[in-house]
């Protein structure tokens, strides 16, 4: 089970887009990772990829205030263990 929350940074014009993208892609990409990977490895790889995606996309904007900035927290529950990201 994956529970995630993101809140776009209000000073970034594309904060809403960033939070929606992060939630959707984190959940989708996490479930695509190989079963042989640990939860920690899967979550870290997905977050690193998402962070790089948002960073690169932010630099496509002409103005700094258009950046894709968001807060993000997630809990993955597997078996009897909860993993926090």
Protein backbone atom coordinates (compact mmCIF):
# COMPACT_ATOMS: atom_id res chain seq x y z
CA UNK A 1 0.00 0.00 0.00
CA UNK A 2 1.27 3.46 -0.90
CA UNK A 3 0.03 6.60 0.83
CA UNK A 4 1.43 9.88 -0.49
CA UNK A 5 0.79 13.58 -0.08
CA UNK A 6 2.30 16.54 -1.91
CA UNK A 7 1.68 20.26 -1.61
CA UNK A 8 2.87 22.54 -4.38
CA UNK A 9 4.99 25.45 -3.18
CA UNK A 10 2.83 28.56 -3.49
CA UNK A 11 5.71 30.81 -4.57
CA UNK A 12 6.28 28.55 -7.59
CA UNK A 13 3.79 29.20 -10.35
CA UNK A 14 3.72 25.53 -11.34
CA UNK A 15 3.45 24.16 -7.80
CA UNK A 16 0.09 22.51 -8.44
CA UNK A 17 1.42 20.75 -11.52
CA UNK A 18 4.47 19.62 -9.57
CA UNK A 19 2.43 18.10 -6.75
CA UNK A 20 0.03 16.30 -9.10
CA UNK A 21 2.88 14.96 -11.23
CA UNK A 22 4.80 13.79 -8.19
CA UNK A 23 1.90 11.88 -6.65
CA UNK A 24 0.81 10.24 -9.90
CA UNK A 25 4.29 9.29 -11.03
CA UNK A 26 5.53 8.12 -7.62
CA UNK A 27 2.69 5.65 -7.22
CA UNK A 28 2.80 4.48 -10.85
CA UNK A 29 6.58 4.14 -11.03
CA UNK A 30 6.89 2.49 -7.60
CA UNK A 31 4.60 -0.34 -8.70
CA UNK A 32 6.68 -0.77 -11.87
CA UNK A 33 9.93 -1.44 -9.99
CA UNK A 34 11.16 -5.05 -9.93
CA UNK A 35 9.89 -7.26 -7.10
CA UNK A 36 13.51 -8.18 -6.37
CA UNK A 37 14.26 -4.60 -5.25
CA UNK A 38 13.78 -3.62 -1.63
CA UNK A 39 11.16 -1.03 -0.74
CA UNK A 40 13.97 1.36 0.18
CA UNK A 41 15.72 0.95 -3.18
CA UNK A 42 12.47 1.28 -5.14
CA UNK A 43 11.33 4.39 -3.28
CA UNK A 44 14.73 6.07 -3.46
CA UNK A 45 15.13 5.38 -7.18
CA UNK A 46 11.64 6.64 -8.00
CA UNK A 47 12.13 9.79 -5.90
CA UNK A 48 15.53 10.51 -7.46
CA UNK A 49 14.08 10.14 -10.95
CA UNK A 50 11.12 12.39 -10.11
CA UNK A 51 13.36 15.01 -8.54
CA UNK A 52 15.57 15.11 -11.63
CA UNK A 53 12.51 15.32 -13.90
CA UNK A 54 11.05 18.29 -11.99
CA UNK A 55 14.44 19.99 -11.79
CA UNK A 56 15.00 19.71 -15.56
CA UNK A 57 11.45 20.76 -16.38
CA UNK A 58 11.77 23.80 -14.08
CA UNK A 59 14.78 24.99 -16.03
CA UNK A 60 12.78 24.97 -19.26
CA UNK A 61 10.78 27.97 -18.01
CA UNK A 62 11.87 31.48 -18.93
CA UNK A 63 11.21 32.86 -15.44
CA UNK A 64 12.44 31.44 -12.13
CA UNK A 65 9.00 31.81 -10.49
CA UNK A 66 7.53 29.23 -12.90
CA UNK A 67 9.45 26.35 -11.29
CA UNK A 68 7.90 23.03 -10.39
CA UNK A 69 8.33 22.93 -6.62
CA UNK A 70 6.46 20.72 -4.18
CA UNK A 71 6.73 19.14 -0.78
CA UNK A 72 6.32 15.36 -0.74
CA UNK A 73 5.81 12.67 1.87
CA UNK A 74 4.96 9.02 1.39
CA UNK A 75 4.45 5.90 3.44
CA UNK A 76 4.73 2.47 1.88
CA UNK A 77 3.31 -0.37 3.94
CA UNK A 78 4.58 -3.80 3.05
CA UNK A 79 3.86 -6.72 5.31
CA UNK A 80 4.10 -5.47 8.89
CA UNK A 81 6.56 -2.66 8.08
CA UNK A 82 6.01 0.99 7.20
CA UNK A 83 8.63 2.83 5.11
CA UNK A 84 8.66 6.62 5.19
CA UNK A 85 9.89 8.81 2.32
